């Protein structure tokens, strides 16, 4: 099933985004991390929504998959600006998720 890899990658991205947002709240300069936290939260929500829609077997998902790519890339870019390990790990998970979404559309 071509969805299995994407579902797994979405789950990984959701987990990293949620962890990163929580970890950012523990950083010394939380104000500096607000864009990262906000982007993490949005990315986790969009990935979660796509995950839930995919498991229904509904076919008209290309628009949502494209939006997921956009959000994952934005989150990877934002997290990539920070040197914290949780941000770097999240950026990697987001890039992998965007790539899995691209492969799904191919």
N, C-alpha and C. Protein backbone atom coordinates (compact mmCIF):
# COMPACT_ATOMS: atom_id res chain seq x y z
N UNK A 1 0.84 -1.19 0.00
CA UNK A 1 0.00 0.00 0.00
C UNK A 1 0.88 1.25 0.00
N UNK A 2 0.67 2.13 -0.93
CA UNK A 2 1.56 3.28 -1.06
C UNK A 2 1.39 4.28 0.07
N UNK A 3 0.31 4.18 0.82
CA UNK A 3 0.07 5.10 1.94
C UNK A 3 0.91 4.76 3.17
N UNK A 4 1.34 3.51 3.31
CA UNK A 4 2.00 3.09 4.54
C UNK A 4 3.24 3.90 4.88
N UNK A 5 4.10 4.12 3.90
CA UNK A 5 5.31 4.92 4.15
C UNK A 5 4.94 6.35 4.52
N UNK A 6 3.98 6.90 3.80
CA UNK A 6 3.56 8.27 4.09
C UNK A 6 2.94 8.36 5.49
N UNK A 7 2.10 7.41 5.84
CA UNK A 7 1.48 7.43 7.17
C UNK A 7 2.54 7.35 8.27
N UNK A 8 3.53 6.52 8.08
CA UNK A 8 4.62 6.39 9.05
C UNK A 8 5.41 7.69 9.17
N UNK A 9 5.70 8.29 8.03
CA UNK A 9 6.48 9.53 8.01
C UNK A 9 5.68 10.69 8.60
N UNK A 10 4.39 10.72 8.33
CA UNK A 10 3.53 11.75 8.94
C UNK A 10 3.54 11.61 10.45
N UNK A 11 3.42 10.37 10.94
CA UNK A 11 3.44 10.13 12.39
C UNK A 11 4.74 10.59 13.02
N UNK A 12 5.84 10.31 12.35
CA UNK A 12 7.15 10.74 12.84
C UNK A 12 7.24 12.26 12.89
N UNK A 13 6.74 12.92 11.86
CA UNK A 13 6.77 14.38 11.80
C UNK A 13 5.90 14.98 12.91
N UNK A 14 4.71 14.44 13.09
CA UNK A 14 3.82 14.90 14.16
C UNK A 14 4.52 14.81 15.51
N UNK A 15 5.14 13.67 15.78
CA UNK A 15 5.83 13.46 17.05
C UNK A 15 6.97 14.45 17.25
N UNK A 16 7.78 14.66 16.21
CA UNK A 16 8.89 15.60 16.33
C UNK A 16 8.41 17.03 16.50
N UNK A 17 7.37 17.42 15.78
CA UNK A 17 6.85 18.79 15.91
C UNK A 17 6.30 19.04 17.31
N UNK A 18 5.54 18.08 17.84
CA UNK A 18 4.99 18.25 19.18
C UNK A 18 6.10 18.28 20.23
N UNK A 19 7.10 17.41 20.09
CA UNK A 19 8.21 17.40 21.02
C UNK A 19 9.00 18.71 20.94
N UNK A 20 9.25 19.17 19.72
CA UNK A 20 10.02 20.41 19.52
C UNK A 20 9.29 21.60 20.14
N UNK A 21 7.99 21.69 19.90
CA UNK A 21 7.22 22.81 20.46
C UNK A 21 7.31 22.81 21.99
N UNK A 22 7.17 21.64 22.59
CA UNK A 22 7.27 21.53 24.06
C UNK A 22 8.67 21.87 24.54
N UNK A 23 9.67 21.37 23.84
CA UNK A 23 11.06 21.63 24.25
C UNK A 23 11.41 23.11 24.09
N UNK A 24 10.86 23.77 23.07
CA UNK A 24 11.10 25.20 22.88
C UNK A 24 10.60 26.01 24.07
N UNK A 25 9.52 25.55 24.69
CA UNK A 25 8.96 26.25 25.85
C UNK A 25 9.91 26.21 27.05
N UNK A 26 10.83 25.26 27.04
CA UNK A 26 11.81 25.14 28.12
C UNK A 26 13.11 25.89 27.84
N UNK A 27 13.23 26.48 26.67
CA UNK A 27 14.45 27.22 26.34
C UNK A 27 14.49 28.54 27.12
N UNK A 28 15.70 29.07 27.34
CA UNK A 28 15.87 30.29 28.12
C UNK A 28 15.13 31.48 27.49
N UNK A 29 15.24 31.62 26.19
CA UNK A 29 14.61 32.75 25.52
C UNK A 29 13.40 32.26 24.73
N UNK A 30 12.30 32.03 25.43
CA UNK A 30 11.09 31.48 24.81
C UNK A 30 10.56 32.43 23.73
N UNK A 31 10.69 33.72 23.97
CA UNK A 31 10.18 34.70 22.99
C UNK A 31 10.87 34.52 21.63
N UNK A 32 12.15 34.20 21.66
CA UNK A 32 12.89 33.96 20.42
C UNK A 32 12.37 32.71 19.70
N UNK A 33 11.74 31.81 20.45
CA UNK A 33 11.29 30.53 19.90
C UNK A 33 9.82 30.55 19.46
N UNK A 34 9.14 31.70 19.58
CA UNK A 34 7.69 31.71 19.34
C UNK A 34 7.32 31.31 17.92
N UNK A 35 8.08 31.73 16.91
CA UNK A 35 7.76 31.34 15.53
C UNK A 35 7.98 29.84 15.33
N UNK A 36 8.98 29.31 16.00
CA UNK A 36 9.25 27.87 15.92
C UNK A 36 8.10 27.09 16.55
N UNK A 37 7.68 27.52 17.72
CA UNK A 37 6.58 26.85 18.42
C UNK A 37 5.31 26.90 17.58
N UNK A 38 4.99 28.06 17.06
CA UNK A 38 3.77 28.23 16.28
C UNK A 38 3.81 27.36 15.02
N UNK A 39 4.94 27.35 14.33
CA UNK A 39 5.07 26.56 13.11
C UNK A 39 5.01 25.07 13.42
N UNK A 40 5.65 24.67 14.52
CA UNK A 40 5.57 23.27 14.95
C UNK A 40 4.12 22.85 15.16
N UNK A 41 3.35 23.68 15.83
CA UNK A 41 1.96 23.35 16.14
C UNK A 41 1.13 23.22 14.87
N UNK A 42 1.31 24.16 13.94
CA UNK A 42 0.56 24.11 12.68
C UNK A 42 0.96 22.89 11.87
N UNK A 43 2.25 22.61 11.80
CA UNK A 43 2.73 21.47 11.03
C UNK A 43 2.16 20.17 11.61
N UNK A 44 2.17 20.03 12.92
CA UNK A 44 1.64 18.82 13.55
C UNK A 44 0.15 18.68 13.23
N UNK A 45 -0.59 19.77 13.24
CA UNK A 45 -2.03 19.72 12.94
C UNK A 45 -2.30 19.33 11.49
N UNK A 46 -1.55 19.92 10.57
CA UNK A 46 -1.75 19.63 9.15
C UNK A 46 -1.38 18.18 8.86
N UNK A 47 -0.26 17.72 9.41
CA UNK A 47 0.15 16.32 9.21
C UNK A 47 -0.87 15.37 9.82
N UNK A 48 -1.39 15.73 10.98
CA UNK A 48 -2.39 14.90 11.64
C UNK A 48 -3.67 14.82 10.80
N UNK A 49 -4.07 15.95 10.26
CA UNK A 49 -5.27 15.97 9.41
C UNK A 49 -5.06 15.11 8.17
N UNK A 50 -3.93 15.27 7.51
CA UNK A 50 -3.65 14.45 6.33
C UNK A 50 -3.63 12.98 6.71
N UNK A 51 -3.01 12.65 7.81
CA UNK A 51 -2.95 11.27 8.28
C UNK A 51 -4.36 10.70 8.45
N UNK A 52 -5.22 11.45 9.09
CA UNK A 52 -6.59 10.99 9.34
C UNK A 52 -7.39 10.84 8.05
N UNK A 53 -7.18 11.75 7.10
CA UNK A 53 -7.91 11.67 5.83
C UNK A 53 -7.42 10.48 5.01
N UNK A 54 -6.12 10.26 5.00
CA UNK A 54 -5.56 9.15 4.22
C UNK A 54 -6.09 7.79 4.67
N UNK A 55 -6.26 7.61 5.96
CA UNK A 55 -6.71 6.30 6.44
C UNK A 55 -8.17 6.01 6.07
N UNK A 56 -8.91 7.03 5.66
CA UNK A 56 -10.30 6.80 5.23
C UNK A 56 -10.36 6.18 3.84
N UNK A 57 -9.26 6.31 3.08
CA UNK A 57 -9.25 5.82 1.71
C UNK A 57 -9.83 6.82 0.73
N UNK A 58 -10.19 8.00 1.20
CA UNK A 58 -10.71 9.05 0.32
C UNK A 58 -9.64 9.41 -0.70
N UNK A 59 -10.02 9.57 -1.94
CA UNK A 59 -9.03 9.72 -3.02
C UNK A 59 -8.64 11.16 -3.33
N UNK A 60 -9.51 12.13 -3.12
CA UNK A 60 -9.23 13.51 -3.51
C UNK A 60 -8.44 14.23 -2.42
N UNK A 61 -7.15 13.89 -2.31
CA UNK A 61 -6.31 14.43 -1.24
C UNK A 61 -5.12 15.24 -1.75
N UNK A 62 -4.96 15.35 -3.06
CA UNK A 62 -3.76 16.00 -3.60
C UNK A 62 -3.56 17.42 -3.08
N UNK A 63 -4.64 18.19 -2.96
CA UNK A 63 -4.51 19.57 -2.46
C UNK A 63 -4.00 19.60 -1.03
N UNK A 64 -4.49 18.69 -0.22
CA UNK A 64 -4.06 18.62 1.17
C UNK A 64 -2.60 18.14 1.25
N UNK A 65 -2.23 17.21 0.40
CA UNK A 65 -0.85 16.73 0.37
C UNK A 65 0.09 17.88 -0.03
N UNK A 66 -0.31 18.67 -1.02
CA UNK A 66 0.52 19.81 -1.45
C UNK A 66 0.66 20.84 -0.33
N UNK A 67 -0.43 21.08 0.39
CA UNK A 67 -0.37 22.02 1.52
C UNK A 67 0.54 21.46 2.62
N UNK A 68 0.48 20.17 2.84
CA UNK A 68 1.34 19.53 3.84
C UNK A 68 2.82 19.73 3.46
N UNK A 69 3.13 19.59 2.18
CA UNK A 69 4.51 19.83 1.72
C UNK A 69 4.93 21.26 2.05
N UNK A 70 4.05 22.20 1.76
CA UNK A 70 4.34 23.62 2.02
C UNK A 70 4.61 23.87 3.51
N UNK A 71 3.74 23.33 4.35
CA UNK A 71 3.89 23.53 5.80
C UNK A 71 5.12 22.81 6.34
N UNK A 72 5.37 21.59 5.89
CA UNK A 72 6.55 20.86 6.35
C UNK A 72 7.83 21.59 5.95
N UNK A 73 7.88 22.13 4.75
CA UNK A 73 9.06 22.89 4.32
C UNK A 73 9.22 24.16 5.15
N UNK A 74 8.11 24.84 5.45
CA UNK A 74 8.17 26.05 6.27
C UNK A 74 8.67 25.72 7.68
N UNK A 75 8.19 24.61 8.22
CA UNK A 75 8.60 24.20 9.56
C UNK A 75 10.08 23.79 9.56
N UNK A 76 10.50 23.07 8.53
CA UNK A 76 11.91 22.68 8.43
C UNK A 76 12.81 23.92 8.35
N UNK A 77 12.37 24.91 7.58
CA UNK A 77 13.15 26.15 7.46
C UNK A 77 13.23 26.88 8.80
N UNK A 78 12.09 26.98 9.50
CA UNK A 78 12.06 27.68 10.78
C UNK A 78 12.90 26.94 11.83
N UNK A 79 12.69 25.65 11.95
CA UNK A 79 13.45 24.87 12.94
C UNK A 79 14.93 24.85 12.60
N UNK A 80 15.23 24.84 11.31
CA UNK A 80 16.62 24.83 10.87
C UNK A 80 17.41 26.06 11.28
N UNK A 81 16.72 27.15 11.64
CA UNK A 81 17.39 28.38 12.07
C UNK A 81 17.96 28.25 13.48
N UNK A 82 17.50 27.27 14.23
CA UNK A 82 17.90 27.13 15.64
C UNK A 82 18.85 25.96 15.80
N UNK A 83 19.83 26.14 16.68
CA UNK A 83 20.84 25.09 16.84
C UNK A 83 20.47 24.03 17.87
N UNK A 84 19.35 24.20 18.57
CA UNK A 84 18.94 23.19 19.54
C UNK A 84 18.74 21.85 18.83
N UNK A 85 19.11 20.77 19.49
CA UNK A 85 18.99 19.45 18.87
C UNK A 85 17.55 19.11 18.52
N UNK A 86 16.61 19.47 19.39
CA UNK A 86 15.21 19.16 19.10
C UNK A 86 14.73 19.89 17.85
N UNK A 87 15.24 21.09 17.61
CA UNK A 87 14.88 21.84 16.39
C UNK A 87 15.50 21.19 15.16
N UNK A 88 16.74 20.80 15.27
CA UNK A 88 17.42 20.15 14.14
C UNK A 88 16.76 18.81 13.80
N UNK A 89 16.40 18.04 14.83
CA UNK A 89 15.71 16.77 14.60
C UNK A 89 14.35 16.99 13.96
N UNK A 90 13.65 18.02 14.39
CA UNK A 90 12.34 18.33 13.84
C UNK A 90 12.47 18.76 12.37
N UNK A 91 13.46 19.59 12.08
CA UNK A 91 13.68 20.03 10.70
C UNK A 91 13.91 18.82 9.79
N UNK A 92 14.69 17.86 10.27
CA UNK A 92 14.96 16.65 9.49
C UNK A 92 13.68 15.86 9.26
N UNK A 93 12.87 15.69 10.30
CA UNK A 93 11.61 14.94 10.18
C UNK A 93 10.66 15.64 9.22
N UNK A 94 10.64 16.96 9.26
CA UNK A 94 9.76 17.72 8.36
C UNK A 94 10.22 17.59 6.91
N UNK A 95 11.52 17.63 6.68
CA UNK A 95 12.03 17.46 5.31
C UNK A 95 11.69 16.06 4.78
N UNK A 96 11.85 15.06 5.63
CA UNK A 96 11.52 13.69 5.23
C UNK A 96 10.03 13.56 4.93
N UNK A 97 9.20 14.24 5.68
CA UNK A 97 7.76 14.20 5.48
C UNK A 97 7.40 14.88 4.16
N UNK A 98 8.01 16.01 3.89
CA UNK A 98 7.76 16.71 2.62
C UNK A 98 8.17 15.81 1.45
N UNK A 99 9.30 15.12 1.58
CA UNK A 99 9.76 14.21 0.53
C UNK A 99 8.79 13.05 0.34
N UNK A 100 8.25 12.50 1.43
CA UNK A 100 7.29 11.41 1.35
C UNK A 100 6.01 11.88 0.67
N UNK A 101 5.61 13.10 0.97
CA UNK A 101 4.42 13.67 0.32
C UNK A 101 4.65 13.84 -1.18
N UNK A 102 5.84 14.32 -1.54
CA UNK A 102 6.19 14.47 -2.97
C UNK A 102 6.14 13.11 -3.66
N UNK A 103 6.68 12.09 -3.01
CA UNK A 103 6.68 10.74 -3.58
C UNK A 103 5.26 10.22 -3.73
N UNK A 104 4.39 10.54 -2.80
CA UNK A 104 2.99 10.12 -2.87
C UNK A 104 2.32 10.72 -4.10
N UNK A 105 2.63 11.98 -4.40
CA UNK A 105 2.02 12.66 -5.54
C UNK A 105 2.60 12.21 -6.88
N UNK A 106 3.81 11.63 -6.86
CA UNK A 106 4.49 11.26 -8.11
C UNK A 106 3.80 10.11 -8.81
